[in-house]
Each structure stands twice: as C-alpha cells, then as structure tokens.
Amino acid sequence: MSGDNLPPPSTVVDMYKSNGIANMRLYAPDQAALQSVGGTGIGVVVGAPNDGLDHVRVTTSVSQAILGGYKPPSQAEFTSEAQGFMGPVLKFLARTGAPLMASVYPYFTYATNPSIMDVSYALFTAPGAVMQDGSYEYQNLFDATVDSFYVAMGNNGGSGVPLVVAESGWPSSGGIAASPENAAIYNQNLINHVGRGTPRHPGAIETYLFSMFNENLKESGVEQNWGLFYPNMKSVYPISFN
C-alpha cells in the first residue's frame, strides 16, 4: 500500500472480518499482515518478487492495456508488443494450471472514450444491451472487457487458462466521472454481478476490488482515490460485501 497513514495490519484484519470480506490481495509478502490474517479464515493472494518464485506455482498479472483499443470482444487481440510475451506466458499457465490475473478497469476505458459511450455502460446501469457481438449481448463494459481477454487468450494458446480479475474499482475523486456516488454504484454492482459471469463465460468470476484504502503517497488525482475506506477506517461511501 502506498500510504504513510494507514492502520496496522491487525486492525485491518478486524475490519475485514466485521465487514464480511472473505479474501484479500497483498502486492508483496508482508510478515505482519500474514501473521495477522493467519487462522482467521480469510483467503490471501500474495504477490512475490522473482527471486522468491523458484518453488512456487507461478501466475502473472497483466493490465487491460495489452488489449489495445476499445472494440467488440470477438475482435479482441493483444497489442503487437504484448503478443511477443503473452503466447509463452499462456502456454506456461496452461501447463501448470495457474490462472492469468488481469486488471479490469471500465473506468479508464470510459474516461478515455467519454464521447463514444454513456457512463451507464461502465457502471452496470445501462437499461439494456449496449453492444451486440454476434449472438452475444453486452449490457456492461466489465463483461465486454473480461470476454475480450478470453478471446485474446484463446487466440494465443490460452483457451483453457482461467482468468482472475486481480483488480477492479472506481475512483471517488480526481478525474472525469470520479465521485463517491459513481464509485459506490460501480463497486456495489460489481460485487452483485461477478457471481453470474459473462455472456461467453457464465459462472462466478474470482474478482478483487481495488482498493481497501485511499493511498496518499500515490500520484495526485484519481490514483489517490480508489479506496473503499479512508485511513481512519471510515467508509468513503456505503457498500455491502454480503
């Protein structure tokens, strides 16, 4: 976490338990955090540096930027730069049975293309299908992005590799359409939606919200304002995890 005013790990674990949050993601091994979560029943996904991976089944996390521009899922492909490494990565993941972890941010797609889509498509609030892609109808941008990953993965030797959404969220301040109201709408709708899957891939999608806290050491603007909670543990907006 990029903040110098955050609560201690033991307090954060208590907050997870009181809010009914079942899983957390750590971006690096943290002894205090891991000790605090031990025996609580909270699941943990831990990032690790390369020198710590000799005896660990490895996955990797990628940004949605490797998909290139906004297009229907059936036309999705990795950028030319990404194609050089995604093929070998996907073959490795297929061999080991590990998932590809992807960051999925409808906010950024909308914020860079506000003239070609309504914000409701990004917020899960569109009243009906917005995109028709062959026999598949898309009512929200999250599903379209996830299915774009699946199509691009399938075209690069990864048709059997599962996808985990390693990050998704909406900022509450600092940029276009960034507000507590929109952040609450997106994140609550995401929580309510991921158990159903996408048009191409029905079934629950393992998904991690970004992030637990606002982070004051990040670049000013939206980067400091993805948190569900302030560092004093007061919620930025109401949300239910149940």
C-alpha atoms as a PDB file:
ATOM      1  CA  MET A   1       0.000   0.000   0.000  1.00  0.00           C
ATOM      2  CA  SER A   2       1.291   3.464  -0.909  1.00  0.00           C
ATOM      3  CA  GLY A   3       0.306   5.376   2.194  1.00  0.00           C
ATOM      4  CA  ASP A   4       2.027   6.567   5.361  1.00  0.00           C
ATOM      5  CA  ASN A   5      -1.154   6.969   7.407  1.00  0.00           C
ATOM      6  CA  LEU A   6      -2.730   3.510   7.131  1.00  0.00           C
ATOM      7  CA  PRO A   7      -3.940   1.408  10.080  1.00  0.00           C
ATOM      8  CA  PRO A   8      -1.871  -1.564  11.319  1.00  0.00           C
ATOM      9  CA  PRO A   9      -2.473  -4.992   9.738  1.00  0.00           C
ATOM     10  CA  SER A  10      -4.206  -6.453  12.800  1.00  0.00           C
ATOM     11  CA  THR A  11      -6.745  -3.630  12.739  1.00  0.00           C
ATOM     12  CA  VAL A  12      -7.305  -4.098   9.005  1.00  0.00           C
ATOM     13  CA  VAL A  13      -7.947  -7.815   9.512  1.00  0.00           C
ATOM     14  CA  ASP A  14     -10.540  -6.991  12.176  1.00  0.00           C
ATOM     15  CA  MET A  15     -12.174  -4.617   9.692  1.00  0.00           C
ATOM     16  CA  TYR A  16     -12.255  -7.347   7.032  1.00  0.00           C
ATOM     17  CA  LYS A  17     -13.981  -9.680   9.480  1.00  0.00           C
ATOM     18  CA  SER A  18     -16.515  -7.083  10.630  1.00  0.00           C
ATOM     19  CA  ASN A  19     -17.433  -6.321   7.009  1.00  0.00           C
ATOM     20  CA  GLY A  20     -17.665  -9.962   5.959  1.00  0.00           C
ATOM     21  CA  ILE A  21     -14.815  -9.698   3.429  1.00  0.00           C
ATOM     22  CA  ALA A  22     -13.556 -13.211   2.693  1.00  0.00           C
ATOM     23  CA  ASN A  23     -10.380 -12.600   0.665  1.00  0.00           C
ATOM     24  CA  MET A  24      -7.572 -10.085   0.323  1.00  0.00           C
ATOM     25  CA  ARG A  25      -4.750  -9.443  -2.108  1.00  0.00           C
ATOM     26  CA  LEU A  26      -1.278  -8.396  -0.951  1.00  0.00           C
ATOM     27  CA  TYR A  27       1.039  -6.948  -3.587  1.00  0.00           C
ATOM     28  CA  ALA A  28       4.133  -8.213  -1.763  1.00  0.00           C
ATOM     29  CA  PRO A  29       4.862 -10.534   1.174  1.00  0.00           C
ATOM     30  CA  ASP A  30       4.269  -8.683   4.438  1.00  0.00           C
ATOM     31  CA  GLN A  31       5.106 -10.621   7.591  1.00  0.00           C
ATOM     32  CA  ALA A  32       2.905  -8.544   9.892  1.00  0.00           C
ATOM     33  CA  ALA A  33      -0.074  -8.806   7.540  1.00  0.00           C
ATOM     34  CA  LEU A  34       0.356 -12.550   7.029  1.00  0.00           C
ATOM     35  CA  GLN A  35       0.684 -13.170  10.757  1.00  0.00           C
ATOM     36  CA  SER A  36      -2.434 -11.097  11.414  1.00  0.00           C
ATOM     37  CA  VAL A  37      -4.526 -12.978   8.869  1.00  0.00           C
ATOM     38  CA  GLY A  38      -3.352 -16.428   9.985  1.00  0.00           C
ATOM     39  CA  GLY A  39      -6.133 -18.560  11.434  1.00  0.00           C
ATOM     40  CA  THR A  40      -8.890 -16.102  10.514  1.00  0.00           C
ATOM     41  CA  GLY A  41     -10.262 -17.998   7.518  1.00  0.00           C
ATOM     42  CA  ILE A  42      -9.580 -15.017   5.239  1.00  0.00           C
ATOM     43  CA  GLY A  43      -8.080 -16.115   1.916  1.00  0.00           C
ATOM     44  CA  VAL A  44      -4.921 -14.330   0.741  1.00  0.00           C
ATOM     45  CA  VAL A  45      -3.386 -13.839  -2.706  1.00  0.00           C
ATOM     46  CA  VAL A  46       0.234 -12.698  -2.320  1.00  0.00           C
ATOM     47  CA  GLY A  47       2.462 -11.099  -4.927  1.00  0.00           C
ATOM     48  CA  ALA A  48       6.131 -12.104  -4.789  1.00  0.00           C
ATOM     49  CA  PRO A  49       9.402 -10.857  -6.308  1.00  0.00           C
ATOM     50  CA  ASN A  50      11.007 -13.012  -8.980  1.00  0.00           C
ATOM     51  CA  ASP A  51      13.746 -14.259  -6.648  1.00  0.00           C
ATOM     52  CA  GLY A  52      11.129 -15.836  -4.417  1.00  0.00           C
ATOM     53  CA  LEU A  53       9.495 -17.985  -7.061  1.00  0.00           C
ATOM     54  CA  ASP A  54      11.830 -20.951  -7.533  1.00  0.00           C
ATOM     55  CA  HIS A  55       9.492 -23.442  -5.859  1.00  0.00           C
ATOM     56  CA  VAL A  56       6.111 -21.767  -6.317  1.00  0.00           C
ATOM     57  CA  ARG A  57       3.477 -22.401  -8.966  1.00  0.00           C
ATOM     58  CA  VAL A  58       3.558 -19.039 -10.726  1.00  0.00           C
ATOM     59  CA  THR A  59       0.919 -16.849 -12.265  1.00  0.00           C
ATOM     60  CA  THR A  60       1.254 -13.315 -13.586  1.00  0.00           C
ATOM     61  CA  SER A  61      -0.843 -10.163 -13.583  1.00  0.00           C
ATOM     62  CA  VAL A  62      -1.443  -8.031 -16.669  1.00  0.00           C
ATOM     63  CA  SER A  63      -3.105  -4.720 -17.435  1.00  0.00           C
ATOM     64  CA  GLN A  64      -6.085  -4.355 -19.755  1.00  0.00           C
ATOM     65  CA  ALA A  65      -3.847  -2.030 -21.780  1.00  0.00           C
ATOM     66  CA  ILE A  66      -2.448  -5.125 -23.510  1.00  0.00           C
ATOM     67  CA  LEU A  67      -5.804  -5.450 -25.295  1.00  0.00           C
ATOM     68  CA  GLY A  68      -5.244  -2.216 -27.190  1.00  0.00           C
ATOM     69  CA  GLY A  69      -8.270  -0.129 -28.141  1.00  0.00           C
ATOM     70  CA  TYR A  70     -11.976  -0.431 -27.404  1.00  0.00           C
ATOM     71  CA  LYS A  71     -13.640  -2.976 -29.727  1.00  0.00           C
ATOM     72  CA  PRO A  72     -16.139  -5.879 -29.594  1.00  0.00           C
ATOM     73  CA  PRO A  73     -14.836  -8.951 -27.743  1.00  0.00           C
ATOM     74  CA  SER A  74     -14.912 -11.098 -30.898  1.00  0.00           C
ATOM     75  CA  GLN A  75     -12.315  -8.744 -32.416  1.00  0.00           C
ATOM     76  CA  ALA A  76     -10.114  -8.612 -29.324  1.00  0.00           C
ATOM     77  CA  GLU A  77      -6.406  -9.215 -29.690  1.00  0.00           C
ATOM     78  CA  PHE A  78      -3.313  -8.430 -27.719  1.00  0.00           C
ATOM     79  CA  THR A  79      -1.235  -5.485 -28.866  1.00  0.00           C
ATOM     80  CA  SER A  80       1.713  -6.298 -31.099  1.00  0.00           C
ATOM     81  CA  GLU A  81       4.055  -5.589 -28.185  1.00  0.00           C
ATOM     82  CA  ALA A  82       2.139  -7.956 -25.881  1.00  0.00           C
ATOM     83  CA  GLN A  83       1.859 -10.785 -28.408  1.00  0.00           C
ATOM     84  CA  GLY A  84       5.583 -11.389 -28.124  1.00  0.00           C
ATOM     85  CA  PHE A  85       5.340 -12.453 -24.485  1.00  0.00           C
ATOM     86  CA  MET A  86       1.697 -13.447 -23.925  1.00  0.00           C
ATOM     87  CA  GLY A  87       1.928 -16.619 -26.014  1.00  0.00           C
ATOM     88  CA  PRO A  88       4.720 -18.142 -23.885  1.00  0.00           C
ATOM     89  CA  VAL A  89       3.082 -16.899 -20.663  1.00  0.00           C
ATOM     90  CA  LEU A  90      -0.253 -18.511 -21.538  1.00  0.00           C
ATOM     91  CA  LYS A  91       1.363 -21.794 -22.550  1.00  0.00           C
ATOM     92  CA  PHE A  92       3.173 -21.865 -19.222  1.00  0.00           C
ATOM     93  CA  LEU A  93      -0.034 -21.149 -17.290  1.00  0.00           C
ATOM     94  CA  ALA A  94      -1.886 -23.837 -19.244  1.00  0.00           C
ATOM     95  CA  ARG A  95       0.834 -26.353 -18.378  1.00  0.00           C
ATOM     96  CA  THR A  96       0.853 -25.501 -14.655  1.00  0.00           C
ATOM     97  CA  GLY A  97      -2.894 -24.978 -14.224  1.00  0.00           C
ATOM     98  CA  ALA A  98      -2.455 -21.451 -12.892  1.00  0.00           C
ATOM     99  CA  PRO A  99      -4.765 -18.564 -13.873  1.00  0.00           C
ATOM    100  CA  LEU A 100      -3.960 -15.362 -15.694  1.00  0.00           C
ATOM    101  CA  MET A 101      -4.614 -12.419 -13.389  1.00  0.00           C
ATOM    102  CA  ALA A 102      -5.865  -9.323 -15.193  1.00  0.00           C
ATOM    103  CA  SER A 103      -6.683  -5.786 -14.158  1.00  0.00           C
ATOM    104  CA  VAL A 104     -10.121  -4.806 -15.496  1.00  0.00           C
ATOM    105  CA  TYR A 105     -10.973  -1.117 -15.244  1.00  0.00           C
ATOM    106  CA  PRO A 106     -14.078   0.054 -17.114  1.00  0.00           C
ATOM    107  CA  TYR A 107     -13.393   3.452 -15.537  1.00  0.00           C
ATOM    108  CA  PHE A 108     -10.274   4.010 -17.633  1.00  0.00           C
ATOM    109  CA  THR A 109     -11.967   2.828 -20.828  1.00  0.00           C
ATOM    110  CA  TYR A 110     -14.826   5.247 -20.223  1.00  0.00           C
ATOM    111  CA  ALA A 111     -12.610   8.135 -19.080  1.00  0.00           C
ATOM    112  CA  THR A 112     -10.575   7.951 -22.302  1.00  0.00           C
ATOM    113  CA  ASN A 113     -13.656   7.499 -24.535  1.00  0.00           C
ATOM    114  CA  PRO A 114     -16.484   9.552 -22.933  1.00  0.00           C
ATOM    115  CA  SER A 115     -17.732  10.774 -26.303  1.00  0.00           C
ATOM    116  CA  ILE A 116     -18.449   7.269 -27.667  1.00  0.00           C
ATOM    117  CA  MET A 117     -20.198   5.625 -24.698  1.00  0.00           C
ATOM    118  CA  ASP A 118     -22.530   6.547 -21.877  1.00  0.00           C
ATOM    119  CA  VAL A 119     -21.228   6.217 -18.345  1.00  0.00           C
ATOM    120  CA  SER A 120     -24.110   3.839 -17.575  1.00  0.00           C
ATOM    121  CA  TYR A 121     -22.396   1.172 -19.703  1.00  0.00           C
ATOM    122  CA  ALA A 122     -19.354   1.365 -17.433  1.00  0.00           C
ATOM    123  CA  LEU A 123     -21.395   1.499 -14.201  1.00  0.00           C
ATOM    124  CA  PHE A 124     -23.565  -1.598 -14.851  1.00  0.00           C
ATOM    125  CA  THR A 125     -26.650   0.660 -15.075  1.00  0.00           C
ATOM    126  CA  ALA A 126     -27.451   0.584 -18.803  1.00  0.00           C
ATOM    127  CA  PRO A 127     -31.157  -0.326 -19.226  1.00  0.00           C
ATOM    128  CA  GLY A 128     -30.477  -2.856 -21.981  1.00  0.00           C
ATOM    129  CA  ALA A 129     -27.848  -4.282 -24.304  1.00  0.00           C
ATOM    130  CA  VAL A 130     -25.352  -1.676 -25.499  1.00  0.00           C
ATOM    131  CA  MET A 131     -23.154  -3.868 -27.689  1.00  0.00           C
ATOM    132  CA  GLN A 132     -24.277  -6.715 -29.944  1.00  0.00           C
ATOM    133  CA  ASP A 133     -21.376  -9.008 -30.777  1.00  0.00           C
ATOM    134  CA  GLY A 134     -22.691 -11.835 -32.910  1.00  0.00           C
ATOM    135  CA  SER A 135     -25.060 -13.806 -30.695  1.00  0.00           C
ATOM    136  CA  TYR A 136     -23.722 -12.161 -27.520  1.00  0.00           C
ATOM    137  CA  GLU A 137     -25.270  -9.075 -25.961  1.00  0.00           C
ATOM    138  CA  TYR A 138     -23.314  -6.830 -23.625  1.00  0.00           C
ATOM    139  CA  GLN A 139     -25.057  -4.630 -21.100  1.00  0.00           C
ATOM    140  CA  ASN A 140     -21.889  -3.591 -19.263  1.00  0.00           C
ATOM    141  CA  LEU A 141     -18.280  -2.838 -20.077  1.00  0.00           C
ATOM    142  CA  PHE A 142     -16.865  -5.150 -17.411  1.00  0.00           C
ATOM    143  CA  ASP A 143     -18.268  -8.234 -19.163  1.00  0.00           C
ATOM    144  CA  ALA A 144     -17.072  -6.993 -22.537  1.00  0.00           C
ATOM    145  CA  THR A 145     -13.549  -6.482 -21.195  1.00  0.00           C
ATOM    146  CA  VAL A 146     -13.396  -9.877 -19.472  1.00  0.00           C
ATOM    147  CA  ASP A 147     -14.630 -11.641 -22.611  1.00  0.00           C
ATOM    148  CA  SER A 148     -12.117  -9.665 -24.675  1.00  0.00           C
ATOM    149  CA  PHE A 149      -9.387 -11.152 -22.504  1.00  0.00           C
ATOM    150  CA  TYR A 150     -10.798 -14.647 -23.014  1.00  0.00           C
ATOM    151  CA  VAL A 151     -10.933 -14.234 -26.805  1.00  0.00           C
ATOM    152  CA  ALA A 152      -7.401 -12.831 -26.997  1.00  0.00           C
ATOM    153  CA  MET A 153      -6.146 -15.578 -24.684  1.00  0.00           C
ATOM    154  CA  GLY A 154      -7.771 -18.244 -26.842  1.00  0.00           C
ATOM    155  CA  ASN A 155      -6.104 -16.825 -29.935  1.00  0.00           C
ATOM    156  CA  ASN A 156      -2.706 -17.103 -28.251  1.00  0.00           C
ATOM    157  CA  GLY A 157      -2.745 -20.649 -26.906  1.00  0.00           C
ATOM    158  CA  GLY A 158      -4.597 -19.954 -23.668  1.00  0.00           C
ATOM    159  CA  SER A 159      -8.127 -21.217 -24.321  1.00  0.00           C
ATOM    160  CA  GLY A 160      -8.062 -23.416 -21.211  1.00  0.00           C
ATOM    161  CA  VAL A 161      -6.445 -20.885 -18.881  1.00  0.00           C
ATOM    162  CA  PRO A 162      -8.804 -19.463 -16.235  1.00  0.00           C
ATOM    163  CA  LEU A 163      -8.978 -15.703 -15.703  1.00  0.00           C
ATOM    164  CA  VAL A 164      -8.939 -13.971 -12.322  1.00  0.00           C
ATOM    165  CA  VAL A 165      -9.786 -10.268 -12.116  1.00  0.00           C
ATOM    166  CA  ALA A 166      -6.885  -9.135  -9.955  1.00  0.00           C
ATOM    167  CA  GLU A 167      -8.046  -5.519  -9.751  1.00  0.00           C
ATOM    168  CA  SER A 168     -11.193  -3.566 -10.497  1.00  0.00           C
ATOM    169  CA  GLY A 169     -12.708  -0.461  -8.999  1.00  0.00           C
ATOM    170  CA  TRP A 170     -13.810   3.139  -9.493  1.00  0.00           C
ATOM    171  CA  PRO A 171     -12.235   6.311  -8.074  1.00  0.00           C
ATOM    172  CA  SER A 172     -14.213   8.593  -5.793  1.00  0.00           C
ATOM    173  CA  SER A 173     -12.415  11.804  -6.772  1.00  0.00           C
ATOM    174  CA  GLY A 174      -9.748  13.312  -9.005  1.00  0.00           C
ATOM    175  CA  GLY A 175     -10.967  12.721 -12.558  1.00  0.00           C
ATOM    176  CA  ILE A 176     -13.804  12.572 -15.051  1.00  0.00           C
ATOM    177  CA  ALA A 177     -16.900  10.841 -13.584  1.00  0.00           C
ATOM    178  CA  ALA A 178     -14.934  10.147 -10.388  1.00  0.00           C
ATOM    179  CA  SER A 179     -17.280  10.653  -7.439  1.00  0.00           C
ATOM    180  CA  PRO A 180     -18.348   8.788  -4.299  1.00  0.00           C
ATOM    181  CA  GLU A 181     -21.743   8.201  -5.916  1.00  0.00           C
ATOM    182  CA  ASN A 182     -20.316   6.600  -9.065  1.00  0.00           C
ATOM    183  CA  ALA A 183     -17.740   4.617  -7.094  1.00  0.00           C
ATOM    184  CA  ALA A 184     -20.481   3.229  -4.850  1.00  0.00           C
ATOM    185  CA  ILE A 185     -22.645   2.321  -7.847  1.00  0.00           C
ATOM    186  CA  TYR A 186     -19.819   0.582  -9.711  1.00  0.00           C
ATOM    187  CA  ASN A 187     -18.355  -1.358  -6.824  1.00  0.00           C
ATOM    188  CA  GLN A 188     -21.708  -2.476  -5.419  1.00  0.00           C
ATOM    189  CA  ASN A 189     -22.896  -3.559  -8.849  1.00  0.00           C
ATOM    190  CA  LEU A 190     -19.599  -5.370  -9.425  1.00  0.00           C
ATOM    191  CA  ILE A 191     -19.982  -7.286  -6.152  1.00  0.00           C
ATOM    192  CA  ASN A 192     -23.547  -8.202  -7.066  1.00  0.00           C
ATOM    193  CA  HIS A 193     -22.635  -9.185 -10.644  1.00  0.00           C
ATOM    194  CA  VAL A 194     -19.485 -11.308 -10.582  1.00  0.00           C
ATOM    195  CA  GLY A 195     -21.247 -14.423  -9.345  1.00  0.00           C
ATOM    196  CA  ARG A 196     -23.073 -14.689 -12.675  1.00  0.00           C
ATOM    197  CA  GLY A 197     -20.165 -14.495 -15.099  1.00  0.00           C
ATOM    198  CA  THR A 198     -20.133 -13.079 -18.621  1.00  0.00           C
ATOM    199  CA  PRO A 199     -22.060 -13.847 -21.833  1.00  0.00           C
ATOM    200  CA  ARG A 200     -19.224 -16.034 -23.123  1.00  0.00           C
ATOM    201  CA  HIS A 201     -18.234 -17.476 -19.746  1.00  0.00           C
ATOM    202  CA  PRO A 202     -21.123 -17.984 -17.311  1.00  0.00           C
ATOM    203  CA  GLY A 203     -20.193 -18.773 -13.733  1.00  0.00           C
ATOM    204  CA  ALA A 204     -18.533 -16.936 -10.887  1.00  0.00           C
ATOM    205  CA  ILE A 205     -15.502 -14.762 -11.637  1.00  0.00           C
ATOM    206  CA  GLU A 206     -12.881 -14.510  -8.895  1.00  0.00           C
ATOM    207  CA  THR A 207     -12.537 -10.745  -8.523  1.00  0.00           C
ATOM    208  CA  TYR A 208     -10.594  -8.410  -6.231  1.00  0.00           C
ATOM    209  CA  LEU A 209     -11.679  -4.838  -5.548  1.00  0.00           C
ATOM    210  CA  PHE A 210      -9.082  -2.100  -5.683  1.00  0.00           C
ATOM    211  CA  SER A 211      -8.520  -0.806  -3.167  1.00  0.00           C
ATOM    212  CA  MET A 212      -9.203  -1.072   0.537  1.00  0.00           C
ATOM    213  CA  PHE A 213      -7.865   2.401   1.411  1.00  0.00           C
ATOM    214  CA  ASN A 214      -7.130   5.729  -0.241  1.00  0.00           C
ATOM    215  CA  GLU A 215      -3.344   5.997  -0.650  1.00  0.00           C
ATOM    216  CA  ASN A 216      -1.824   9.413  -0.022  1.00  0.00           C
ATOM    217  CA  LEU A 217       1.643   8.638  -1.399  1.00  0.00           C
ATOM    218  CA  LYS A 218       0.425   7.910  -4.912  1.00  0.00           C
ATOM    219  CA  GLU A 219       0.310  10.465  -7.711  1.00  0.00           C
ATOM    220  CA  SER A 220      -2.337  13.116  -7.120  1.00  0.00           C
ATOM    221  CA  GLY A 221      -5.681  12.762  -8.898  1.00  0.00           C
ATOM    222  CA  VAL A 222      -7.565   9.511  -9.296  1.00  0.00           C
ATOM    223  CA  GLU A 223      -4.589   7.415  -8.161  1.00  0.00           C
ATOM    224  CA  GLN A 224      -5.058   8.557  -4.565  1.00  0.00           C
ATOM    225  CA  ASN A 225      -8.794   7.917  -4.522  1.00  0.00           C
ATOM    226  CA  TRP A 226      -9.606   4.267  -5.226  1.00  0.00           C
ATOM    227  CA  GLY A 227     -10.175   3.329  -1.600  1.00  0.00           C
ATOM    228  CA  LEU A 228     -13.377   1.955  -0.136  1.00  0.00           C
ATOM    229  CA  PHE A 229     -12.233   3.378   3.199  1.00  0.00           C
ATOM    230  CA  TYR A 230     -10.284   6.346   4.488  1.00  0.00           C
ATOM    231  CA  PRO A 231      -7.162   5.550   6.535  1.00  0.00           C
ATOM    232  CA  ASN A 232      -9.201   6.248   9.688  1.00  0.00           C
ATOM    233  CA  MET A 233     -11.362   3.271   8.586  1.00  0.00           C
ATOM    234  CA  LYS A 234     -14.468   5.335   7.886  1.00  0.00           C
ATOM    235  CA  SER A 235     -16.132   4.309   4.637  1.00  0.00           C
ATOM    236  CA  VAL A 236     -15.803   6.649   1.667  1.00  0.00           C
ATOM    237  CA  TYR A 237     -19.319   5.578   0.645  1.00  0.00           C
ATOM    238  CA  PRO A 238     -21.781   2.902   1.758  1.00  0.00           C
ATOM    239  CA  ILE A 239     -21.168  -0.585   0.376  1.00  0.00           C
ATOM    240  CA  SER A 240     -22.241  -4.114   1.285  1.00  0.00           C
ATOM    241  CA  PHE A 241     -19.977  -7.121   0.804  1.00  0.00           C
ATOM    242  CA  ASN A 242     -22.687  -9.698   1.519  1.00  0.00           C
END
